[in-house]
Amino acid sequence: MSVGLLALLDDVAGLAKVAAASLDDIAGQATKAGLKAAGAVVDDAAVTPRYVDGFTADRELPIVGRIAWGSVRNKLIFLLPAALILSLVAPWIITPVLMLGGAYLCYEGAEKVFHALLPHEAESHEAGLEPAALDPQSEEDTRVAGAIKTDFILSAEIMTIALAAIEVDNFWTRAAILALVGVGITALVYGAVALLVKADDFGLLLAGKGRLGSTRSFGRWLVRAMPIFMQVLAVVGTAAMIWVGGGIILHGLAAFGLAAPEHWIEHAAEWAAHALPAVGGFAGWAMTALIDGIFGLAFGLVMIPVAGYAIAPLWRAVKAVLPKRA
C-alpha cells in the first residue's frame, strides 16, 4: 500500500511539473506577445486620459474603471474568441476588419483636429451625427461609450499583434496566452491612466500636508504641471489615433497587393535611421509614425464629409426602419 501511495504521489508530482512548465510557457509566450504589441499599448494609454477631461475629481476614477471594464469585455468576450475562430476558419477577413477599425481611428482623430481648428463647423457636423448630451450623467455615458469604442479598435490591434506572435499550435494554450495578454495589458494601461488622472490630487495633498518644504514645493509644481501634461497627452493621444489608423490602413493595402506605399515608408524609415545613427531606432519609428500620421489625417479628413453626408443619413434610415420591423 505504501509503495502504491508513493507511486501515486510521484505521478502527482510529475503532473504538477508538467502543469508548472505549461504555465511557465504560457507566461513566457504572453510576455513576448505583449512586448510585440507595446506600440499599440502606448497608443491606448495616450488616448484614454482625454476622456476624463472636464469631469470633477470624484468622477475620474469611476470613469476610468468603467472604461477599463469595457476594455476587458472587448478583449475577452468579443475579440479573443473572434480572433481565435477567424484565425482558424477565415483568416483572410481579419485584415479588412482591422482596416475598418483603422478608418474609424483616422476619422475620430481627424474630427478632433477639425474641432480644434474650426470649432463652429465641427460642432455643426457633430450635431448632425448624434444628439447632444442633456446632463452630466448622459455626458459621462457618451464619453465612456466613445472611449470603449475607441478601445475596441486599439484592443483589436493589440490582440491581433499578440496572436501573430504566439508560437503555439494548441488552440486552448493560444486562448490562455491571449487572455493573459488581454488582462495584463488592460491592467497596465488603465492602472497607468488612473495614476495620471489622480496625480494633481496627490500634488494637492503634498502641497497642503507635506512635512518638508521641498515636499510642499514638489506638490505645488505637480498641481501646476499636470494640466499642461494632460493637454500634451491629449494631443499625443489624438496623434496616436491618427498614426495608428493610418498605419493599419497602409498595412492592409499592402496585404491586398498595394505594397508600394508601405515600401516607401520603410525606405524613409531606413534613411532616417542612417541619418541619425545615435538614435537610429527612434528616428526610424518617428519617420514611420509621421508618414502614417499624414496619411491617416488626410484619410480621416476625407471621412468627415463621408460620415456626415452618407454614413449618418444611412444609419438614421436603418434605425427608423428597425422599430417598424420589430
C-alpha atoms as a PDB file:
ATOM      1  CA  MET A   1       0.000   0.000   0.000  1.00  0.00           C
ATOM      2  CA  SER A   2       2.802   2.402   0.885  1.00  0.00           C
ATOM      3  CA  VAL A   3       4.530   1.640  -2.431  1.00  0.00           C
ATOM      4  CA  GLY A   4       1.307   2.393  -4.300  1.00  0.00           C
ATOM      5  CA  LEU A   5       0.888   5.635  -2.392  1.00  0.00           C
ATOM      6  CA  LEU A   6       4.443   6.666  -3.229  1.00  0.00           C
ATOM      7  CA  ALA A   7       3.825   5.867  -6.907  1.00  0.00           C
ATOM      8  CA  LEU A   8       0.640   7.945  -6.827  1.00  0.00           C
ATOM      9  CA  LEU A   9       2.465  10.873  -5.216  1.00  0.00           C
ATOM     10  CA  ASP A  10       5.225  10.532  -7.810  1.00  0.00           C
ATOM     11  CA  ASP A  11       2.617  10.704 -10.600  1.00  0.00           C
ATOM     12  CA  VAL A  12       1.020  13.749  -8.990  1.00  0.00           C
ATOM     13  CA  ALA A  13       4.428  15.404  -8.722  1.00  0.00           C
ATOM     14  CA  GLY A  14       5.072  14.641 -12.394  1.00  0.00           C
ATOM     15  CA  LEU A  15       1.743  16.149 -13.409  1.00  0.00           C
ATOM     16  CA  ALA A  16       2.473  19.201 -11.264  1.00  0.00           C
ATOM     17  CA  LYS A  17       5.814  19.651 -13.037  1.00  0.00           C
ATOM     18  CA  VAL A  18       4.142  19.418 -16.440  1.00  0.00           C
ATOM     19  CA  ALA A  19       1.466  21.907 -15.358  1.00  0.00           C
ATOM     20  CA  ALA A  20       4.111  24.276 -13.983  1.00  0.00           C
ATOM     21  CA  ALA A  21       6.079  24.026 -17.217  1.00  0.00           C
ATOM     22  CA  SER A  22       2.916  24.753 -19.210  1.00  0.00           C
ATOM     23  CA  LEU A  23       2.077  27.755 -17.048  1.00  0.00           C
ATOM     24  CA  ASP A  24       5.645  28.998 -17.359  1.00  0.00           C
ATOM     25  CA  ASP A  25       5.450  28.612 -21.135  1.00  0.00           C
ATOM     26  CA  ILE A  26       2.123  30.454 -21.208  1.00  0.00           C
ATOM     27  CA  ALA A  27       3.576  33.301 -19.114  1.00  0.00           C
ATOM     28  CA  GLY A  28       6.672  33.495 -21.324  1.00  0.00           C
ATOM     29  CA  GLN A  29       4.640  33.486 -24.528  1.00  0.00           C
ATOM     30  CA  ALA A  30       2.268  36.108 -23.066  1.00  0.00           C
ATOM     31  CA  THR A  31       5.198  38.364 -22.162  1.00  0.00           C
ATOM     32  CA  LYS A  32       6.662  38.018 -25.646  1.00  0.00           C
ATOM     33  CA  ALA A  33       3.326  38.690 -27.321  1.00  0.00           C
ATOM     34  CA  GLY A  34       2.676  41.671 -25.045  1.00  0.00           C
ATOM     35  CA  LEU A  35       6.032  43.195 -25.943  1.00  0.00           C
ATOM     36  CA  LYS A  36       5.214  42.813 -29.635  1.00  0.00           C
ATOM     37  CA  ALA A  37       2.055  44.859 -29.036  1.00  0.00           C
ATOM     38  CA  ALA A  38       3.882  47.514 -26.984  1.00  0.00           C
ATOM     39  CA  GLY A  39       3.411  50.215 -29.614  1.00  0.00           C
ATOM     40  CA  ALA A  40      -0.356  49.840 -29.582  1.00  0.00           C
ATOM     41  CA  VAL A  41      -0.295  49.714 -25.761  1.00  0.00           C
ATOM     42  CA  VAL A  42       1.419  53.123 -25.672  1.00  0.00           C
ATOM     43  CA  ASP A  43      -1.197  54.476 -28.064  1.00  0.00           C
ATOM     44  CA  ASP A  44      -4.000  53.126 -25.865  1.00  0.00           C
ATOM     45  CA  ALA A  45      -2.502  54.709 -22.739  1.00  0.00           C
ATOM     46  CA  ALA A  46      -2.063  58.042 -24.523  1.00  0.00           C
ATOM     47  CA  VAL A  47      -5.606  58.117 -25.916  1.00  0.00           C
ATOM     48  CA  THR A  48      -7.586  57.248 -22.766  1.00  0.00           C
ATOM     49  CA  PRO A  49      -6.880  60.156 -20.323  1.00  0.00           C
ATOM     50  CA  ARG A  50      -8.584  62.699 -22.549  1.00  0.00           C
ATOM     51  CA  TYR A  51     -11.930  61.009 -21.883  1.00  0.00           C
ATOM     52  CA  VAL A  52     -11.935  62.157 -18.238  1.00  0.00           C
ATOM     53  CA  ASP A  53     -11.020  65.750 -19.094  1.00  0.00           C
ATOM     54  CA  GLY A  54     -13.609  68.206 -17.768  1.00  0.00           C
ATOM     55  CA  PHE A  55     -15.150  65.968 -15.096  1.00  0.00           C
ATOM     56  CA  THR A  56     -14.969  66.546 -11.346  1.00  0.00           C
ATOM     57  CA  ALA A  57     -12.232  64.772  -9.379  1.00  0.00           C
ATOM     58  CA  ASP A  58     -14.680  62.365  -7.715  1.00  0.00           C
ATOM     59  CA  ARG A  59     -15.796  61.027 -11.119  1.00  0.00           C
ATOM     60  CA  GLU A  60     -12.334  60.476 -12.632  1.00  0.00           C
ATOM     61  CA  LEU A  61     -11.551  57.044 -11.172  1.00  0.00           C
ATOM     62  CA  PRO A  62     -15.110  55.707 -11.665  1.00  0.00           C
ATOM     63  CA  ILE A  63     -14.935  56.735 -15.322  1.00  0.00           C
ATOM     64  CA  VAL A  64     -11.534  55.093 -15.740  1.00  0.00           C
ATOM     65  CA  GLY A  65     -12.948  51.991 -14.044  1.00  0.00           C
ATOM     66  CA  ARG A  66     -15.932  51.874 -16.402  1.00  0.00           C
ATOM     67  CA  ILE A  67     -13.680  52.211 -19.437  1.00  0.00           C
ATOM     68  CA  ALA A  68     -11.309  49.550 -18.073  1.00  0.00           C
ATOM     69  CA  TRP A  69     -14.193  47.120 -17.543  1.00  0.00           C
ATOM     70  CA  GLY A  70     -15.393  47.845 -21.066  1.00  0.00           C
ATOM     71  CA  SER A  71     -11.866  47.151 -22.308  1.00  0.00           C
ATOM     72  CA  VAL A  72     -11.823  43.776 -20.529  1.00  0.00           C
ATOM     73  CA  ARG A  73     -15.168  42.891 -22.131  1.00  0.00           C
ATOM     74  CA  ASN A  74     -13.853  43.989 -25.520  1.00  0.00           C
ATOM     75  CA  LYS A  75     -10.803  41.769 -25.246  1.00  0.00           C
ATOM     76  CA  LEU A  76     -12.142  38.654 -23.533  1.00  0.00           C
ATOM     77  CA  ILE A  77     -15.778  38.409 -24.616  1.00  0.00           C
ATOM     78  CA  PHE A  78     -15.606  39.729 -28.190  1.00  0.00           C
ATOM     79  CA  LEU A  79     -12.076  39.943 -29.552  1.00  0.00           C
ATOM     80  CA  LEU A  80     -10.455  36.837 -28.072  1.00  0.00           C
ATOM     81  CA  PRO A  81     -12.978  34.290 -29.395  1.00  0.00           C
ATOM     82  CA  ALA A  82     -13.371  36.209 -32.651  1.00  0.00           C
ATOM     83  CA  ALA A  83      -9.610  36.308 -33.250  1.00  0.00           C
ATOM     84  CA  LEU A  84      -9.181  32.610 -32.475  1.00  0.00           C
ATOM     85  CA  ILE A  85     -12.151  31.484 -34.582  1.00  0.00           C
ATOM     86  CA  LEU A  86     -11.332  33.725 -37.526  1.00  0.00           C
ATOM     87  CA  SER A  87      -7.691  32.615 -37.458  1.00  0.00           C
ATOM     88  CA  LEU A  88      -8.980  29.049 -37.918  1.00  0.00           C
ATOM     89  CA  VAL A  89     -11.896  29.404 -40.343  1.00  0.00           C
ATOM     90  CA  ALA A  90     -11.499  32.748 -42.152  1.00  0.00           C
ATOM     91  CA  PRO A  91      -8.070  34.303 -41.590  1.00  0.00           C
ATOM     92  CA  TRP A  92      -8.500  36.464 -44.694  1.00  0.00           C
ATOM     93  CA  ILE A  93     -11.255  38.555 -43.049  1.00  0.00           C
ATOM     94  CA  ILE A  94      -9.081  39.823 -40.184  1.00  0.00           C
ATOM     95  CA  THR A  95      -7.276  42.380 -42.350  1.00  0.00           C
ATOM     96  CA  PRO A  96     -10.444  44.031 -43.773  1.00  0.00           C
ATOM     97  CA  VAL A  97     -11.944  44.238 -40.277  1.00  0.00           C
ATOM     98  CA  LEU A  98      -8.773  45.872 -38.952  1.00  0.00           C
ATOM     99  CA  MET A  99      -8.813  48.316 -41.876  1.00  0.00           C
ATOM    100  CA  LEU A 100     -12.367  49.345 -40.960  1.00  0.00           C
ATOM    101  CA  GLY A 101     -11.135  49.927 -37.422  1.00  0.00           C
ATOM    102  CA  GLY A 102      -8.198  51.938 -38.750  1.00  0.00           C
ATOM    103  CA  ALA A 103     -10.591  54.067 -40.793  1.00  0.00           C
ATOM    104  CA  TYR A 104     -12.615  54.768 -37.649  1.00  0.00           C
ATOM    105  CA  LEU A 105      -9.472  55.831 -35.759  1.00  0.00           C
ATOM    106  CA  CYS A 106      -8.462  58.154 -38.609  1.00  0.00           C
ATOM    107  CA  TYR A 107     -11.935  59.675 -38.645  1.00  0.00           C
ATOM    108  CA  GLU A 108     -12.043  60.107 -34.862  1.00  0.00           C
ATOM    109  CA  GLY A 109      -8.605  61.715 -34.744  1.00  0.00           C
ATOM    110  CA  ALA A 110      -9.227  63.965 -37.760  1.00  0.00           C
ATOM    111  CA  GLU A 111     -12.500  65.109 -36.209  1.00  0.00           C
ATOM    112  CA  LYS A 112     -10.564  66.235 -33.098  1.00  0.00           C
ATOM    113  CA  VAL A 113      -8.182  68.218 -35.305  1.00  0.00           C
ATOM    114  CA  PHE A 114     -11.156  69.656 -37.212  1.00  0.00           C
ATOM    115  CA  HIS A 115     -12.760  70.699 -33.915  1.00  0.00           C
ATOM    116  CA  ALA A 116      -9.555  72.399 -32.736  1.00  0.00           C
ATOM    117  CA  LEU A 117      -9.130  74.367 -35.967  1.00  0.00           C
ATOM    118  CA  LEU A 118     -12.763  75.108 -36.869  1.00  0.00           C
ATOM    119  CA  PRO A 119     -14.860  74.610 -33.715  1.00  0.00           C
ATOM    120  CA  HIS A 120     -18.135  76.067 -35.017  1.00  0.00           C
ATOM    121  CA  GLU A 121     -18.159  73.974 -38.182  1.00  0.00           C
ATOM    122  CA  ALA A 122     -17.133  70.901 -36.197  1.00  0.00           C
ATOM    123  CA  GLU A 123     -19.975  71.395 -33.706  1.00  0.00           C
ATOM    124  CA  SER A 124     -22.473  71.631 -36.563  1.00  0.00           C
ATOM    125  CA  HIS A 125     -21.072  68.416 -38.025  1.00  0.00           C
ATOM    126  CA  GLU A 126     -21.237  66.609 -34.659  1.00  0.00           C
ATOM    127  CA  ALA A 127     -24.809  67.823 -34.074  1.00  0.00           C
ATOM    128  CA  GLY A 128     -25.821  66.136 -37.306  1.00  0.00           C
ATOM    129  CA  LEU A 129     -24.311  62.830 -36.217  1.00  0.00           C
ATOM    130  CA  GLU A 130     -25.685  62.325 -32.697  1.00  0.00           C
ATOM    131  CA  PRO A 131     -27.876  64.172 -30.153  1.00  0.00           C
ATOM    132  CA  ALA A 132     -26.125  66.340 -27.616  1.00  0.00           C
ATOM    133  CA  ALA A 133     -25.885  65.208 -24.005  1.00  0.00           C
ATOM    134  CA  LEU A 134     -28.588  66.675 -21.789  1.00  0.00           C
ATOM    135  CA  ASP A 135     -26.961  66.352 -18.363  1.00  0.00           C
ATOM    136  CA  PRO A 136     -23.638  65.420 -16.730  1.00  0.00           C
ATOM    137  CA  GLN A 137     -24.637  61.751 -16.415  1.00  0.00           C
ATOM    138  CA  SER A 138     -25.520  61.446 -20.109  1.00  0.00           C
ATOM    139  CA  GLU A 139     -22.319  63.298 -20.986  1.00  0.00           C
ATOM    140  CA  GLU A 140     -20.371  60.789 -18.910  1.00  0.00           C
ATOM    141  CA  ASP A 141     -22.179  57.888 -20.585  1.00  0.00           C
ATOM    142  CA  THR A 142     -21.457  59.350 -24.010  1.00  0.00           C
ATOM    143  CA  ARG A 143     -17.793  59.852 -23.163  1.00  0.00           C
ATOM    144  CA  VAL A 144     -17.427  56.338 -21.733  1.00  0.00           C
ATOM    145  CA  ALA A 145     -19.171  54.804 -24.744  1.00  0.00           C
ATOM    146  CA  GLY A 146     -16.845  56.696 -27.094  1.00  0.00           C
ATOM    147  CA  ALA A 147     -13.806  55.579 -25.108  1.00  0.00           C
ATOM    148  CA  ILE A 148     -14.898  51.931 -25.202  1.00  0.00           C
ATOM    149  CA  LYS A 149     -15.483  52.129 -28.964  1.00  0.00           C
ATOM    150  CA  THR A 150     -12.014  53.578 -29.487  1.00  0.00           C
ATOM    151  CA  ASP A 151     -10.564  50.998 -27.106  1.00  0.00           C
ATOM    152  CA  PHE A 152     -12.198  48.257 -29.172  1.00  0.00           C
ATOM    153  CA  ILE A 153     -10.181  49.266 -32.234  1.00  0.00           C
ATOM    154  CA  LEU A 154      -6.913  49.577 -30.316  1.00  0.00           C
ATOM    155  CA  SER A 155      -7.636  46.334 -28.458  1.00  0.00           C
ATOM    156  CA  ALA A 156      -8.298  44.574 -31.765  1.00  0.00           C
ATOM    157  CA  GLU A 157      -4.882  45.684 -32.971  1.00  0.00           C
ATOM    158  CA  ILE A 158      -3.253  44.583 -29.697  1.00  0.00           C
ATOM    159  CA  MET A 159      -4.911  41.162 -29.763  1.00  0.00           C
ATOM    160  CA  THR A 160      -4.134  40.618 -33.442  1.00  0.00           C
ATOM    161  CA  ILE A 161      -0.462  41.513 -32.989  1.00  0.00           C
ATOM    162  CA  ALA A 162      -0.285  39.303 -29.902  1.00  0.00           C
ATOM    163  CA  LEU A 163      -1.965  36.397 -31.706  1.00  0.00           C
ATOM    164  CA  ALA A 164       0.550  36.622 -34.552  1.00  0.00           C
ATOM    165  CA  ALA A 165       3.424  36.495 -32.047  1.00  0.00           C
ATOM    166  CA  ILE A 166       2.222  33.322 -30.267  1.00  0.00           C
ATOM    167  CA  GLU A 167       4.323  30.319 -31.293  1.00  0.00           C
ATOM    168  CA  VAL A 168       1.998  27.602 -30.000  1.00  0.00           C
ATOM    169  CA  ASP A 169      -0.318  25.431 -32.110  1.00  0.00           C
ATOM    170  CA  ASN A 170      -2.618  24.147 -29.369  1.00  0.00           C
ATOM    171  CA  PHE A 171      -5.922  26.047 -29.519  1.00  0.00           C
ATOM    172  CA  TRP A 172      -6.562  26.209 -25.766  1.00  0.00           C
ATOM    173  CA  THR A 173      -2.984  27.212 -24.955  1.00  0.00           C
ATOM    174  CA  ARG A 174      -3.221  30.017 -27.515  1.00  0.00           C
ATOM    175  CA  ALA A 175      -6.517  31.090 -25.926  1.00  0.00           C
ATOM    176  CA  ALA A 176      -4.955  31.122 -22.441  1.00  0.00           C
ATOM    177  CA  ILE A 177      -1.954  33.147 -23.647  1.00  0.00           C
ATOM    178  CA  LEU A 178      -4.176  35.634 -25.455  1.00  0.00           C
ATOM    179  CA  ALA A 179      -6.437  36.008 -22.400  1.00  0.00           C
ATOM    180  CA  LEU A 180      -3.407  36.634 -20.185  1.00  0.00           C
ATOM    181  CA  VAL A 181      -2.125  39.255 -22.630  1.00  0.00           C
ATOM    182  CA  GLY A 182      -5.525  40.959 -22.716  1.00  0.00           C
ATOM    183  CA  VAL A 183      -5.967  41.123 -18.945  1.00  0.00           C
ATOM    184  CA  GLY A 184      -2.341  42.098 -18.286  1.00  0.00           C
ATOM    185  CA  ILE A 185      -2.302  44.890 -20.854  1.00  0.00           C
ATOM    186  CA  THR A 186      -5.648  46.242 -19.627  1.00  0.00           C
ATOM    187  CA  ALA A 187      -4.371  46.349 -16.039  1.00  0.00           C
ATOM    188  CA  LEU A 188      -1.148  48.036 -17.160  1.00  0.00           C
ATOM    189  CA  VAL A 189      -2.826  50.655 -19.349  1.00  0.00           C
ATOM    190  CA  TYR A 190      -5.664  51.646 -17.047  1.00  0.00           C
ATOM    191  CA  GLY A 191      -3.522  51.451 -13.918  1.00  0.00           C
ATOM    192  CA  ALA A 192      -1.200  54.000 -15.543  1.00  0.00           C
ATOM    193  CA  VAL A 193      -4.174  56.112 -16.624  1.00  0.00           C
ATOM    194  CA  ALA A 194      -5.591  56.101 -13.082  1.00  0.00           C
ATOM    195  CA  LEU A 195      -2.237  57.303 -11.713  1.00  0.00           C
ATOM    196  CA  LEU A 196      -2.076  60.054 -14.313  1.00  0.00           C
ATOM    197  CA  VAL A 197      -5.558  61.436 -13.727  1.00  0.00           C
ATOM    198  CA  LYS A 198      -5.111  61.485  -9.930  1.00  0.00           C
ATOM    199  CA  ALA A 199      -1.597  62.947  -9.923  1.00  0.00           C
ATOM    200  CA  ASP A 200      -2.911  66.503  -9.427  1.00  0.00           C
ATOM    201  CA  ASP A 201      -4.907  65.411  -6.361  1.00  0.00           C
ATOM    202  CA  PHE A 202      -1.744  63.820  -4.979  1.00  0.00           C
ATOM    203  CA  GLY A 203       0.032  67.118  -5.611  1.00  0.00           C
ATOM    204  CA  LEU A 204      -2.632  68.984  -3.641  1.00  0.00           C
ATOM    205  CA  LEU A 205      -2.173  66.549  -0.772  1.00  0.00           C
ATOM    206  CA  LEU A 206       1.594  67.085  -0.753  1.00  0.00           C
ATOM    207  CA  ALA A 207       1.252  70.861  -1.054  1.00  0.00           C
ATOM    208  CA  GLY A 208      -1.144  71.057   1.876  1.00  0.00           C
ATOM    209  CA  LYS A 209       0.153  68.386   4.248  1.00  0.00           C
ATOM    210  CA  GLY A 210       3.778  67.806   3.305  1.00  0.00           C
ATOM    211  CA  ARG A 211       6.147  67.968   6.289  1.00  0.00           C
ATOM    212  CA  LEU A 212       9.119  69.293   4.332  1.00  0.00           C
ATOM    213  CA  GLY A 213       9.311  72.482   2.316  1.00  0.00           C
ATOM    214  CA  SER A 214      10.690  70.569  -0.643  1.00  0.00           C
ATOM    215  CA  THR A 215       7.751  68.158  -0.476  1.00  0.00           C
ATOM    216  CA  ARG A 216       5.235  71.006  -0.461  1.00  0.00           C
ATOM    217  CA  SER A 217       7.088  72.694  -3.333  1.00  0.00           C
ATOM    218  CA  PHE A 218       7.007  69.482  -5.351  1.00  0.00           C
ATOM    219  CA  GLY A 219       3.279  69.179  -4.660  1.00  0.00           C
ATOM    220  CA  ARG A 220       2.636  72.718  -5.903  1.00  0.00           C
ATOM    221  CA  TRP A 221       4.757  72.041  -9.003  1.00  0.00           C
ATOM    222  CA  LEU A 222       2.802  68.843  -9.661  1.00  0.00           C
ATOM    223  CA  VAL A 223      -0.509  70.707  -9.409  1.00  0.00           C
ATOM    224  CA  ARG A 224       0.704  73.312 -11.914  1.00  0.00           C
ATOM    225  CA  ALA A 225       2.331  70.806 -14.247  1.00  0.00           C
ATOM    226  CA  MET A 226      -0.403  68.179 -14.543  1.00  0.00           C
ATOM    227  CA  PRO A 227      -2.951  70.279 -16.517  1.00  0.00           C
ATOM    228  CA  ILE A 228      -0.218  71.078 -19.043  1.00  0.00           C
ATOM    229  CA  PHE A 229       0.882  67.460 -19.120  1.00  0.00           C
ATOM    230  CA  MET A 230      -2.694  66.263 -19.645  1.00  0.00           C
ATOM    231  CA  GLN A 231      -3.149  68.711 -22.515  1.00  0.00           C
ATOM    232  CA  VAL A 232       0.051  67.443 -24.100  1.00  0.00           C
ATOM    233  CA  LEU A 233      -1.094  63.866 -23.539  1.00  0.00           C
ATOM    234  CA  ALA A 234      -4.441  64.659 -25.177  1.00  0.00           C
ATOM    235  CA  VAL A 235      -2.582  65.929 -28.251  1.00  0.00           C
ATOM    236  CA  VAL A 236      -0.382  62.829 -28.238  1.00  0.00           C
ATOM    237  CA  GLY A 237      -3.478  60.649 -27.880  1.00  0.00           C
ATOM    238  CA  THR A 238      -5.148  62.262 -30.886  1.00  0.00           C
ATOM    239  CA  ALA A 239      -1.939  61.942 -32.909  1.00  0.00           C
ATOM    240  CA  ALA A 240      -1.672  58.291 -31.838  1.00  0.00           C
ATOM    241  CA  MET A 241      -5.175  57.565 -33.102  1.00  0.00           C
ATOM    242  CA  ILE A 242      -4.304  59.105 -36.457  1.00  0.00           C
ATOM    243  CA  TRP A 243      -0.936  57.418 -36.994  1.00  0.00           C
ATOM    244  CA  VAL A 244      -2.146  54.039 -35.745  1.00  0.00           C
ATOM    245  CA  GLY A 245      -5.205  54.214 -38.001  1.00  0.00           C
ATOM    246  CA  GLY A 246      -3.114  55.303 -40.983  1.00  0.00           C
ATOM    247  CA  GLY A 247      -0.615  52.531 -40.329  1.00  0.00           C
ATOM    248  CA  ILE A 248      -3.363  49.890 -40.136  1.00  0.00           C
ATOM    249  CA  ILE A 249      -4.846  51.009 -43.460  1.00  0.00           C
ATOM    250  CA  LEU A 250      -1.461  51.135 -45.223  1.00  0.00           C
ATOM    251  CA  HIS A 251      -0.525  47.710 -43.872  1.00  0.00           C
ATOM    252  CA  GLY A 252      -3.893  46.372 -45.024  1.00  0.00           C
ATOM    253  CA  LEU A 253      -3.379  47.799 -48.511  1.00  0.00           C
ATOM    254  CA  ALA A 254      -0.004  46.046 -48.643  1.00  0.00           C
ATOM    255  CA  ALA A 255      -1.690  42.773 -47.669  1.00  0.00           C
ATOM    256  CA  PHE A 256      -4.050  43.196 -50.646  1.00  0.00           C
ATOM    257  CA  GLY A 257      -1.225  43.814 -53.101  1.00  0.00           C
ATOM    258  CA  LEU A 258      -0.778  47.602 -52.930  1.00  0.00           C
ATOM    259  CA  ALA A 259       2.578  47.417 -51.173  1.00  0.00           C
ATOM    260  CA  ALA A 260       4.322  50.418 -52.748  1.00  0.00           C
ATOM    261  CA  PRO A 261       3.301  52.987 -50.071  1.00  0.00           C
ATOM    262  CA  GLU A 262       4.484  50.721 -47.242  1.00  0.00           C
ATOM    263  CA  HIS A 263       7.780  50.095 -49.058  1.00  0.00           C
ATOM    264  CA  TRP A 264       8.282  53.858 -49.453  1.00  0.00           C
ATOM    265  CA  ILE A 265       7.698  54.312 -45.747  1.00  0.00           C
ATOM    266  CA  GLU A 266      10.190  51.545 -44.940  1.00  0.00           C
ATOM    267  CA  HIS A 267      12.815  53.230 -47.132  1.00  0.00           C
ATOM    268  CA  ALA A 268      12.113  56.588 -45.477  1.00  0.00           C
ATOM    269  CA  ALA A 269      12.484  54.987 -42.032  1.00  0.00           C
ATOM    270  CA  GLU A 270      15.790  53.389 -43.055  1.00  0.00           C
ATOM    271  CA  TRP A 271      17.021  56.754 -44.357  1.00  0.00           C
ATOM    272  CA  ALA A 272      16.088  58.451 -41.070  1.00  0.00           C
ATOM    273  CA  ALA A 273      17.833  55.720 -39.067  1.00  0.00           C
ATOM    274  CA  HIS A 274      21.042  56.091 -41.121  1.00  0.00           C
ATOM    275  CA  ALA A 275      20.867  59.900 -40.970  1.00  0.00           C
ATOM    276  CA  LEU A 276      20.682  59.847 -37.162  1.00  0.00           C
ATOM    277  CA  PRO A 277      22.657  56.737 -36.143  1.00  0.00           C
ATOM    278  CA  ALA A 278      22.857  57.798 -32.481  1.00  0.00           C
ATOM    279  CA  VAL A 279      19.076  57.412 -32.211  1.00  0.00           C
ATOM    280  CA  GLY A 280      18.529  55.206 -35.240  1.00  0.00           C
ATOM    281  CA  GLY A 281      15.696  53.125 -33.821  1.00  0.00           C
ATOM    282  CA  PHE A 282      13.735  56.137 -32.612  1.00  0.00           C
ATOM    283  CA  ALA A 283      14.389  58.069 -35.825  1.00  0.00           C
ATOM    284  CA  GLY A 284      13.076  55.204 -37.943  1.00  0.00           C
ATOM    285  CA  TRP A 285       9.981  54.852 -35.760  1.00  0.00           C
ATOM    286  CA  ALA A 286       9.362  58.627 -35.791  1.00  0.00           C
ATOM    287  CA  MET A 287       9.581  58.784 -39.584  1.00  0.00           C
ATOM    288  CA  THR A 288       7.157  55.870 -39.924  1.00  0.00           C
ATOM    289  CA  ALA A 289       4.740  57.457 -37.447  1.00  0.00           C
ATOM    290  CA  LEU A 290       4.987  60.836 -39.221  1.00  0.00           C
ATOM    291  CA  ILE A 291       4.142  59.440 -42.655  1.00  0.00           C
ATOM    292  CA  ASP A 292       1.435  57.163 -41.257  1.00  0.00           C
ATOM    293  CA  GLY A 293       0.035  60.208 -39.446  1.00  0.00           C
ATOM    294  CA  ILE A 294      -0.017  62.392 -42.558  1.00  0.00           C
ATOM    295  CA  PHE A 295      -1.796  59.668 -44.486  1.00  0.00           C
ATOM    296  CA  GLY A 296      -4.163  58.974 -41.575  1.00  0.00           C
ATOM    297  CA  LEU A 297      -5.059  62.650 -41.182  1.00  0.00           C
ATOM    298  CA  ALA A 298      -5.757  63.032 -44.910  1.00  0.00           C
ATOM    299  CA  PHE A 299      -7.871  59.872 -44.896  1.00  0.00           C
ATOM    300  CA  GLY A 300      -9.740  60.989 -41.772  1.00  0.00           C
ATOM    301  CA  LEU A 301     -10.487  64.429 -43.207  1.00  0.00           C
ATOM    302  CA  VAL A 302     -11.965  62.761 -46.275  1.00  0.00           C
ATOM    303  CA  MET A 303     -14.060  60.565 -43.990  1.00  0.00           C
ATOM    304  CA  ILE A 304     -15.639  63.564 -42.206  1.00  0.00           C
ATOM    305  CA  PRO A 305     -17.934  64.577 -45.102  1.00  0.00           C
ATOM    306  CA  VAL A 306     -18.494  60.901 -45.951  1.00  0.00           C
ATOM    307  CA  ALA A 307     -19.703  60.337 -42.382  1.00  0.00           C
ATOM    308  CA  GLY A 308     -21.867  63.472 -42.426  1.00  0.00           C
ATOM    309  CA  TYR A 309     -23.496  63.057 -45.832  1.00  0.00           C
ATOM    310  CA  ALA A 310     -23.539  59.290 -46.371  1.00  0.00           C
ATOM    311  CA  ILE A 311     -22.972  57.147 -43.272  1.00  0.00           C
ATOM    312  CA  ALA A 312     -25.036  59.174 -40.766  1.00  0.00           C
ATOM    313  CA  PRO A 313     -28.151  59.518 -43.019  1.00  0.00           C
ATOM    314  CA  LEU A 314     -27.939  55.810 -43.864  1.00  0.00           C
ATOM    315  CA  TRP A 315     -27.663  54.879 -40.184  1.00  0.00           C
ATOM    316  CA  ARG A 316     -30.645  57.100 -39.300  1.00  0.00           C
ATOM    317  CA  ALA A 317     -32.658  55.436 -42.058  1.00  0.00           C
ATOM    318  CA  VAL A 318     -31.751  51.979 -40.754  1.00  0.00           C
ATOM    319  CA  LYS A 319     -32.710  52.942 -37.176  1.00  0.00           C
ATOM    320  CA  ALA A 320     -36.021  54.336 -38.439  1.00  0.00           C
ATOM    321  CA  VAL A 321     -36.842  51.064 -40.178  1.00  0.00           C
ATOM    322  CA  LEU A 322     -35.805  48.667 -37.399  1.00  0.00           C
ATOM    323  CA  PRO A 323     -38.631  49.506 -34.914  1.00  0.00           C
ATOM    324  CA  LYS A 324     -41.248  49.012 -37.656  1.00  0.00           C
ATOM    325  CA  ARG A 325     -39.960  45.511 -38.303  1.00  0.00           C
ATOM    326  CA  ALA A 326     -39.976  44.733 -34.575  1.00  0.00           C
END
